[in-house]
Amino acid sequence: MDMQMPEMDVLAATRTIRASGGAWAEIPIIALTADASPERRRFYQGVGLTDFMTKPIDQAELAAKLASIREGGEGPPVAASDRLP
């Protein structure tokens, strides 16, 4: 998710998802931001994100993060009937 989405930023969205309970509360969330300052990185660590990346996105880094999430088993198994549209 992008840090600055319209209507609800990633911090509010993450808090809402994590508080929702059920399988979706554990879904991995990677935030995307242009702000890479050390202060912001520390701030982002406490909001329930799985990880975050700075823009522009490095495709190899993103692939590695996704592979790590998949291998680590983070997030719930999602049945086809439960997938988001």
PDB file of N, CA and C in Angstrom:
ATOM      1  N   MET A   1       0.844  -1.178   0.000  1.00  0.00           N
ATOM      2  CA  MET A   1       0.000   0.000   0.000  1.00  0.00           C
ATOM      3  C   MET A   1       0.886   1.236   0.000  1.00  0.00           C
ATOM      4  N   ASP A   2       0.411   2.263  -0.666  1.00  0.00           N
ATOM      5  CA  ASP A   2       1.117   3.534  -0.653  1.00  0.00           C
ATOM      6  C   ASP A   2       0.805   4.269   0.649  1.00  0.00           C
ATOM      7  N   MET A   3       1.801   4.912   1.221  1.00  0.00           N
ATOM      8  CA  MET A   3       1.618   5.621   2.488  1.00  0.00           C
ATOM      9  C   MET A   3       0.574   6.728   2.388  1.00  0.00           C
ATOM     10  N   GLN A   4       0.415   7.330   1.224  1.00  0.00           N
ATOM     11  CA  GLN A   4      -0.487   8.472   1.098  1.00  0.00           C
ATOM     12  C   GLN A   4      -1.634   8.174   0.142  1.00  0.00           C
ATOM     13  N   MET A   5      -2.467   7.245   0.528  1.00  0.00           N
ATOM     14  CA  MET A   5      -3.636   6.923  -0.275  1.00  0.00           C
ATOM     15  C   MET A   5      -4.736   7.938   0.006  1.00  0.00           C
ATOM     16  N   PRO A   6      -5.637   8.149  -0.947  1.00  0.00           N
ATOM     17  CA  PRO A   6      -6.751   9.068  -0.688  1.00  0.00           C
ATOM     18  C   PRO A   6      -7.726   8.456   0.324  1.00  0.00           C
ATOM     19  N   GLU A   7      -8.346   9.285   1.105  1.00  0.00           N
ATOM     20  CA  GLU A   7      -9.364   8.936   2.091  1.00  0.00           C
ATOM     21  C   GLU A   7      -8.824   8.248   3.336  1.00  0.00           C
ATOM     22  N   MET A   8      -7.926   7.273   3.194  1.00  0.00           N
ATOM     23  CA  MET A   8      -7.371   6.577   4.356  1.00  0.00           C
ATOM     24  C   MET A   8      -5.916   6.250   4.054  1.00  0.00           C
ATOM     25  N   ASP A   9      -4.995   6.778   4.863  1.00  0.00           N
ATOM     26  CA  ASP A   9      -3.584   6.478   4.608  1.00  0.00           C
ATOM     27  C   ASP A   9      -3.252   5.062   5.085  1.00  0.00           C
ATOM     28  N   VAL A  10      -2.063   4.609   4.772  1.00  0.00           N
ATOM     29  CA  VAL A  10      -1.694   3.230   5.093  1.00  0.00           C
ATOM     30  C   VAL A  10      -1.660   2.983   6.597  1.00  0.00           C
ATOM     31  N   LEU A  11      -1.355   3.989   7.381  1.00  0.00           N
ATOM     32  CA  LEU A  11      -1.334   3.792   8.830  1.00  0.00           C
ATOM     33  C   LEU A  11      -2.735   3.500   9.356  1.00  0.00           C
ATOM     34  N   ALA A  12      -3.701   4.289   8.927  1.00  0.00           N
ATOM     35  CA  ALA A  12      -5.090   4.055   9.350  1.00  0.00           C
ATOM     36  C   ALA A  12      -5.610   2.737   8.784  1.00  0.00           C
ATOM     37  N   ALA A  13      -5.284   2.453   7.532  1.00  0.00           N
ATOM     38  CA  ALA A  13      -5.729   1.198   6.915  1.00  0.00           C
ATOM     39  C   ALA A  13      -5.132  -0.005   7.644  1.00  0.00           C
ATOM     40  N   THR A  14      -3.847   0.075   7.970  1.00  0.00           N
ATOM     41  CA  THR A  14      -3.187  -1.030   8.674  1.00  0.00           C
ATOM     42  C   THR A  14      -3.807  -1.242  10.044  1.00  0.00           C
ATOM     43  N   ARG A  15      -4.020  -0.163  10.767  1.00  0.00           N
ATOM     44  CA  ARG A  15      -4.644  -0.290  12.097  1.00  0.00           C
ATOM     45  C   ARG A  15      -6.043  -0.913  11.987  1.00  0.00           C
ATOM     46  N   THR A  16      -6.797  -0.503  10.983  1.00  0.00           N
ATOM     47  CA  THR A  16      -8.145  -1.048  10.781  1.00  0.00           C
ATOM     48  C   THR A  16      -8.085  -2.530  10.445  1.00  0.00           C
ATOM     49  N   ILE A  17      -7.186  -2.902   9.557  1.00  0.00           N
ATOM     50  CA  ILE A  17      -7.035  -4.315   9.166  1.00  0.00           C
ATOM     51  C   ILE A  17      -6.599  -5.153  10.353  1.00  0.00           C
ATOM     52  N   ARG A  18      -5.599  -4.699  11.095  1.00  0.00           N
ATOM     53  CA  ARG A  18      -5.095  -5.465  12.245  1.00  0.00           C
ATOM     54  C   ARG A  18      -6.151  -5.611  13.334  1.00  0.00           C
ATOM     55  N   ALA A  19      -7.022  -4.631  13.490  1.00  0.00           N
ATOM     56  CA  ALA A  19      -8.051  -4.680  14.528  1.00  0.00           C
ATOM     57  C   ALA A  19      -9.293  -5.450  14.090  1.00  0.00           C
ATOM     58  N   SER A  20      -9.352  -5.830  12.812  1.00  0.00           N
ATOM     59  CA  SER A  20     -10.566  -6.456  12.282  1.00  0.00           C
ATOM     60  C   SER A  20     -10.798  -7.875  12.772  1.00  0.00           C
ATOM     61  N   GLY A  21      -9.762  -8.529  13.254  1.00  0.00           N
ATOM     62  CA  GLY A  21      -9.902  -9.907  13.693  1.00  0.00           C
ATOM     63  C   GLY A  21      -9.991 -10.848  12.507  1.00  0.00           C
ATOM     64  N   GLY A  22      -9.995 -12.125  12.769  1.00  0.00           N
ATOM     65  CA  GLY A  22     -10.094 -13.112  11.696  1.00  0.00           C
ATOM     66  C   GLY A  22      -8.816 -13.217  10.881  1.00  0.00           C
ATOM     67  N   ALA A  23      -8.897 -13.965   9.802  1.00  0.00           N
ATOM     68  CA  ALA A  23      -7.732 -14.249   8.972  1.00  0.00           C
ATOM     69  C   ALA A  23      -7.144 -12.992   8.341  1.00  0.00           C
ATOM     70  N   TRP A  24      -7.978 -12.034   7.958  1.00  0.00           N
ATOM     71  CA  TRP A  24      -7.468 -10.833   7.285  1.00  0.00           C
ATOM     72  C   TRP A  24      -6.627  -9.966   8.209  1.00  0.00           C
ATOM     73  N   ALA A  25      -6.798 -10.082   9.510  1.00  0.00           N
ATOM     74  CA  ALA A  25      -6.025  -9.273  10.456  1.00  0.00           C
ATOM     75  C   ALA A  25      -4.531  -9.583  10.392  1.00  0.00           C
ATOM     76  N   GLU A  26      -4.188 -10.731   9.869  1.00  0.00           N
ATOM     77  CA  GLU A  26      -2.784 -11.148   9.803  1.00  0.00           C
ATOM     78  C   GLU A  26      -2.179 -11.037   8.405  1.00  0.00           C
ATOM     79  N   ILE A  27      -2.916 -10.493   7.450  1.00  0.00           N
ATOM     80  CA  ILE A  27      -2.411 -10.408   6.087  1.00  0.00           C
ATOM     81  C   ILE A  27      -1.147  -9.541   6.048  1.00  0.00           C
ATOM     82  N   PRO A  28      -0.137  -9.949   5.308  1.00  0.00           N
ATOM     83  CA  PRO A  28       1.080  -9.127   5.211  1.00  0.00           C
ATOM     84  C   PRO A  28       0.790  -7.792   4.515  1.00  0.00           C
ATOM     85  N   ILE A  29       1.366  -6.726   5.054  1.00  0.00           N
ATOM     86  CA  ILE A  29       1.209  -5.392   4.477  1.00  0.00           C
ATOM     87  C   ILE A  29       2.581  -4.768   4.308  1.00  0.00           C
ATOM     88  N   ILE A  30       2.913  -4.425   3.071  1.00  0.00           N
ATOM     89  CA  ILE A  30       4.150  -3.703   2.772  1.00  0.00           C
ATOM     90  C   ILE A  30       3.751  -2.295   2.356  1.00  0.00           C
ATOM     91  N   ALA A  31       4.263  -1.307   3.063  1.00  0.00           N
ATOM     92  CA  ALA A  31       3.959   0.091   2.757  1.00  0.00           C
ATOM     93  C   ALA A  31       5.024   0.657   1.822  1.00  0.00           C
ATOM     94  N   LEU A  32       4.596   1.537   0.939  1.00  0.00           N
ATOM     95  CA  LEU A  32       5.488   2.194  -0.004  1.00  0.00           C
ATOM     96  C   LEU A  32       5.518   3.680   0.312  1.00  0.00           C
ATOM     97  N   THR A  33       6.727   4.254   0.412  1.00  0.00           N
ATOM     98  CA  THR A  33       6.848   5.662   0.765  1.00  0.00           C
ATOM     99  C   THR A  33       8.053   6.297   0.081  1.00  0.00           C
ATOM    100  N   ALA A  34       7.986   7.592  -0.116  1.00  0.00           N
ATOM    101  CA  ALA A  34       9.131   8.345  -0.633  1.00  0.00           C
ATOM    102  C   ALA A  34       9.977   8.887   0.521  1.00  0.00           C
ATOM    103  N   ASP A  35       9.470   8.805   1.746  1.00  0.00           N
ATOM    104  CA  ASP A  35      10.154   9.340   2.923  1.00  0.00           C
ATOM    105  C   ASP A  35      10.989   8.248   3.575  1.00  0.00           C
ATOM    106  N   ALA A  36      12.291   8.304   3.389  1.00  0.00           N
ATOM    107  CA  ALA A  36      13.180   7.264   3.913  1.00  0.00           C
ATOM    108  C   ALA A  36      13.981   7.728   5.123  1.00  0.00           C
ATOM    109  N   SER A  37      13.573   8.819   5.745  1.00  0.00           N
ATOM    110  CA  SER A  37      14.344   9.334   6.879  1.00  0.00           C
ATOM    111  C   SER A  37      14.340   8.325   8.028  1.00  0.00           C
ATOM    112  N   PRO A  38      15.430   8.287   8.801  1.00  0.00           N
ATOM    113  CA  PRO A  38      15.493   7.351   9.942  1.00  0.00           C
ATOM    114  C   PRO A  38      14.356   7.560  10.943  1.00  0.00           C
ATOM    115  N   GLU A  39      13.937   8.811  11.144  1.00  0.00           N
ATOM    116  CA  GLU A  39      12.847   9.085  12.081  1.00  0.00           C
ATOM    117  C   GLU A  39      11.545   8.444  11.614  1.00  0.00           C
ATOM    118  N   ARG A  40      11.241   8.583  10.325  1.00  0.00           N
ATOM    119  CA  ARG A  40      10.021   7.996   9.783  1.00  0.00           C
ATOM    120  C   ARG A  40      10.093   6.471   9.823  1.00  0.00           C
ATOM    121  N   ARG A  41      11.252   5.904   9.529  1.00  0.00           N
ATOM    122  CA  ARG A  41      11.398   4.444   9.582  1.00  0.00           C
ATOM    123  C   ARG A  41      11.060   3.928  10.986  1.00  0.00           C
ATOM    124  N   ARG A  42      11.569   4.599  12.014  1.00  0.00           N
ATOM    125  CA  ARG A  42      11.272   4.188  13.391  1.00  0.00           C
ATOM    126  C   ARG A  42       9.771   4.320  13.674  1.00  0.00           C
ATOM    127  N   PHE A  43       9.164   5.382  13.193  1.00  0.00           N
ATOM    128  CA  PHE A  43       7.731   5.589  13.388  1.00  0.00           C
ATOM    129  C   PHE A  43       6.922   4.474  12.738  1.00  0.00           C
ATOM    130  N   TYR A  44       7.281   4.112  11.505  1.00  0.00           N
ATOM    131  CA  TYR A  44       6.539   3.089  10.765  1.00  0.00           C
ATOM    132  C   TYR A  44       6.631   1.720  11.432  1.00  0.00           C
ATOM    133  N   GLN A  45       7.717   1.457  12.159  1.00  0.00           N
ATOM    134  CA  GLN A  45       7.915   0.134  12.751  1.00  0.00           C
ATOM    135  C   GLN A  45       6.875  -0.214  13.805  1.00  0.00           C
ATOM    136  N   GLY A  46       6.248   0.782  14.405  1.00  0.00           N
ATOM    137  CA  GLY A  46       5.306   0.503  15.478  1.00  0.00           C
ATOM    138  C   GLY A  46       3.846   0.440  15.082  1.00  0.00           C
ATOM    139  N   VAL A  47       3.531   0.438  13.800  1.00  0.00           N
ATOM    140  CA  VAL A  47       2.122   0.522  13.402  1.00  0.00           C
ATOM    141  C   VAL A  47       1.542  -0.789  12.885  1.00  0.00           C
ATOM    142  N   GLY A  48       2.319  -1.870  12.902  1.00  0.00           N
ATOM    143  CA  GLY A  48       1.773  -3.150  12.477  1.00  0.00           C
ATOM    144  C   GLY A  48       2.053  -3.533  11.041  1.00  0.00           C
ATOM    145  N   LEU A  49       2.909  -2.767  10.360  1.00  0.00           N
ATOM    146  CA  LEU A  49       3.280  -3.129   8.992  1.00  0.00           C
ATOM    147  C   LEU A  49       4.160  -4.362   8.995  1.00  0.00           C
ATOM    148  N   THR A  50       4.056  -5.167   7.959  1.00  0.00           N
ATOM    149  CA  THR A  50       4.953  -6.303   7.801  1.00  0.00           C
ATOM    150  C   THR A  50       6.327  -5.789   7.397  1.00  0.00           C
ATOM    151  N   ASP A  51       6.340  -4.796   6.516  1.00  0.00           N
ATOM    152  CA  ASP A  51       7.592  -4.222   6.023  1.00  0.00           C
ATOM    153  C   ASP A  51       7.250  -2.930   5.300  1.00  0.00           C
ATOM    154  N   PHE A  52       8.253  -2.191   4.902  1.00  0.00           N
ATOM    155  CA  PHE A  52       8.033  -1.029   4.055  1.00  0.00           C
ATOM    156  C   PHE A  52       9.230  -0.829   3.149  1.00  0.00           C
ATOM    157  N   MET A  53       8.974  -0.127   2.063  1.00  0.00           N
ATOM    158  CA  MET A  53       9.993   0.130   1.047  1.00  0.00           C
ATOM    159  C   MET A  53       9.905   1.592   0.631  1.00  0.00           C
ATOM    160  N   THR A  54      11.034   2.109   0.172  1.00  0.00           N
ATOM    161  CA  THR A  54      11.023   3.470  -0.348  1.00  0.00           C
ATOM    162  C   THR A  54      10.893   3.445  -1.862  1.00  0.00           C
ATOM    163  N   LYS A  55      10.303   4.531  -2.377  1.00  0.00           N
ATOM    164  CA  LYS A  55      10.138   4.685  -3.819  1.00  0.00           C
ATOM    165  C   LYS A  55      11.354   5.409  -4.372  1.00  0.00           C
ATOM    166  N   PRO A  56      11.752   5.172  -5.587  1.00  0.00           N
ATOM    167  CA  PRO A  56      11.145   4.225  -6.525  1.00  0.00           C
ATOM    168  C   PRO A  56      11.419   2.789  -6.076  1.00  0.00           C
ATOM    169  N   ILE A  57      10.480   1.920  -6.387  1.00  0.00           N
ATOM    170  CA  ILE A  57      10.553   0.528  -5.956  1.00  0.00           C
ATOM    171  C   ILE A  57      11.580  -0.229  -6.775  1.00  0.00           C
ATOM    172  N   ASP A  58      12.432  -0.950  -6.069  1.00  0.00           N
ATOM    173  CA  ASP A  58      13.398  -1.846  -6.706  1.00  0.00           C
ATOM    174  C   ASP A  58      12.701  -3.202  -6.855  1.00  0.00           C
ATOM    175  N   GLN A  59      12.485  -3.637  -8.088  1.00  0.00           N
ATOM    176  CA  GLN A  59      11.719  -4.866  -8.336  1.00  0.00           C
ATOM    177  C   GLN A  59      12.360  -6.085  -7.691  1.00  0.00           C
ATOM    178  N   ALA A  60      13.679  -6.161  -7.709  1.00  0.00           N
ATOM    179  CA  ALA A  60      14.365  -7.311  -7.099  1.00  0.00           C
ATOM    180  C   ALA A  60      14.163  -7.311  -5.582  1.00  0.00           C
ATOM    181  N   GLU A  61      14.225  -6.135  -4.965  1.00  0.00           N
ATOM    182  CA  GLU A  61      14.008  -6.032  -3.520  1.00  0.00           C
ATOM    183  C   GLU A  61      12.574  -6.426  -3.169  1.00  0.00           C
ATOM    184  N   LEU A  62      11.606  -5.956  -3.952  1.00  0.00           N
ATOM    185  CA  LEU A  62      10.208  -6.312  -3.708  1.00  0.00           C
ATOM    186  C   LEU A  62      10.007  -7.815  -3.857  1.00  0.00           C
ATOM    187  N   ALA A  63      10.580  -8.398  -4.892  1.00  0.00           N
ATOM    188  CA  ALA A  63      10.461  -9.850  -5.093  1.00  0.00           C
ATOM    189  C   ALA A  63      11.059 -10.607  -3.913  1.00  0.00           C
ATOM    190  N   ALA A  64      12.192 -10.127  -3.407  1.00  0.00           N
ATOM    191  CA  ALA A  64      12.828 -10.785  -2.262  1.00  0.00           C
ATOM    192  C   ALA A  64      11.957 -10.677  -1.010  1.00  0.00           C
ATOM    193  N   LYS A  65      11.361  -9.512  -0.789  1.00  0.00           N
ATOM    194  CA  LYS A  65      10.485  -9.336   0.382  1.00  0.00           C
ATOM    195  C   LYS A  65       9.256 -10.250   0.278  1.00  0.00           C
ATOM    196  N   LEU A  66       8.665 -10.316  -0.913  1.00  0.00           N
ATOM    197  CA  LEU A  66       7.491 -11.181  -1.105  1.00  0.00           C
ATOM    198  C   LEU A  66       7.860 -12.650  -0.922  1.00  0.00           C
ATOM    199  N   ALA A  67       9.028 -13.055  -1.421  1.00  0.00           N
ATOM    200  CA  ALA A  67       9.479 -14.443  -1.250  1.00  0.00           C
ATOM    201  C   ALA A  67       9.711 -14.745   0.227  1.00  0.00           C
ATOM    202  N   SER A  68      10.276 -13.789   0.942  1.00  0.00           N
ATOM    203  CA  SER A  68      10.520 -13.978   2.367  1.00  0.00           C
ATOM    204  C   SER A  68       9.210 -14.134   3.136  1.00  0.00           C
ATOM    205  N   ILE A  69       8.217 -13.330   2.796  1.00  0.00           N
ATOM    206  CA  ILE A  69       6.909 -13.446   3.431  1.00  0.00           C
ATOM    207  C   ILE A  69       6.305 -14.811   3.130  1.00  0.00           C
ATOM    208  N   ARG A  70       6.379 -15.228   1.874  1.00  0.00           N
ATOM    209  CA  ARG A  70       5.813 -16.515   1.474  1.00  0.00           C
ATOM    210  C   ARG A  70       6.517 -17.661   2.197  1.00  0.00           C
ATOM    211  N   GLU A  71       7.838 -17.626   2.248  1.00  0.00           N
ATOM    212  CA  GLU A  71       8.606 -18.696   2.887  1.00  0.00           C
ATOM    213  C   GLU A  71       8.422 -18.713   4.391  1.00  0.00           C
ATOM    214  N   GLY A  72       8.236 -17.527   4.975  1.00  0.00           N
ATOM    215  CA  GLY A  72       8.063 -17.435   6.416  1.00  0.00           C
ATOM    216  C   GLY A  72       6.669 -17.773   6.874  1.00  0.00           C
ATOM    217  N   GLY A  73       5.768 -17.953   5.912  1.00  0.00           N
ATOM    218  CA  GLY A  73       4.402 -18.301   6.261  1.00  0.00           C
ATOM    219  C   GLY A  73       3.620 -17.158   6.871  1.00  0.00           C
ATOM    220  N   GLU A  74       4.083 -15.909   6.682  1.00  0.00           N
ATOM    221  CA  GLU A  74       3.344 -14.777   7.247  1.00  0.00           C
ATOM    222  C   GLU A  74       2.022 -14.605   6.529  1.00  0.00           C
ATOM    223  N   GLY A  75       1.009 -14.304   7.275  1.00  0.00           N
ATOM    224  CA  GLY A  75      -0.307 -14.095   6.695  1.00  0.00           C
ATOM    225  C   GLY A  75      -1.091 -15.382   6.675  1.00  0.00           C
ATOM    226  N   PRO A  76      -2.402 -15.278   6.565  1.00  0.00           N
ATOM    227  CA  PRO A  76      -3.266 -16.453   6.612  1.00  0.00           C
ATOM    228  C   PRO A  76      -3.326 -17.160   5.269  1.00  0.00           C
ATOM    229  N   PRO A  77      -3.572 -18.457   5.281  1.00  0.00           N
ATOM    230  CA  PRO A  77      -3.886 -19.094   4.004  1.00  0.00           C
ATOM    231  C   PRO A  77      -5.242 -18.561   3.556  1.00  0.00           C
ATOM    232  N   VAL A  78      -5.370 -18.223   2.307  1.00  0.00           N
ATOM    233  CA  VAL A  78      -6.602 -17.626   1.806  1.00  0.00           C
ATOM    234  C   VAL A  78      -7.246 -18.562   0.801  1.00  0.00           C
ATOM    235  N   ALA A  79      -8.437 -19.020   1.142  1.00  0.00           N
ATOM    236  CA  ALA A  79      -9.181 -19.867   0.206  1.00  0.00           C
ATOM    237  C   ALA A  79      -9.658 -19.027  -0.966  1.00  0.00           C
ATOM    238  N   ALA A  80      -9.858 -19.658  -2.114  1.00  0.00           N
ATOM    239  CA  ALA A  80     -10.300 -18.928  -3.295  1.00  0.00           C
ATOM    240  C   ALA A  80     -11.574 -18.147  -3.027  1.00  0.00           C
ATOM    241  N   SER A  81     -12.462 -18.689  -2.208  1.00  0.00           N
ATOM    242  CA  SER A  81     -13.718 -18.007  -1.915  1.00  0.00           C
ATOM    243  C   SER A  81     -13.529 -16.787  -1.026  1.00  0.00           C
ATOM    244  N   ASP A  82     -12.365 -16.673  -0.355  1.00  0.00           N
ATOM    245  CA  ASP A  82     -12.102 -15.549   0.541  1.00  0.00           C
ATOM    246  C   ASP A  82     -11.279 -14.447  -0.088  1.00  0.00           C
ATOM    247  N   ARG A  83     -10.829 -14.620  -1.314  1.00  0.00           N
ATOM    248  CA  ARG A  83      -9.955 -13.622  -1.943  1.00  0.00           C
ATOM    249  C   ARG A  83     -10.707 -12.318  -2.162  1.00  0.00           C
ATOM    250  N   LEU A  84      -9.977 -11.228  -2.034  1.00  0.00           N
ATOM    251  CA  LEU A  84     -10.572  -9.922  -2.285  1.00  0.00           C
ATOM    252  C   LEU A  84     -10.868  -9.792  -3.772  1.00  0.00           C
ATOM    253  N   PRO A  85     -11.910  -9.060  -4.145  1.00  0.00           N
ATOM    254  CA  PRO A  85     -12.239  -8.905  -5.569  1.00  0.00           C
ATOM    255  C   PRO A  85     -11.188  -8.104  -6.298  1.00  0.00           C
TER     256      PRO A  85
END
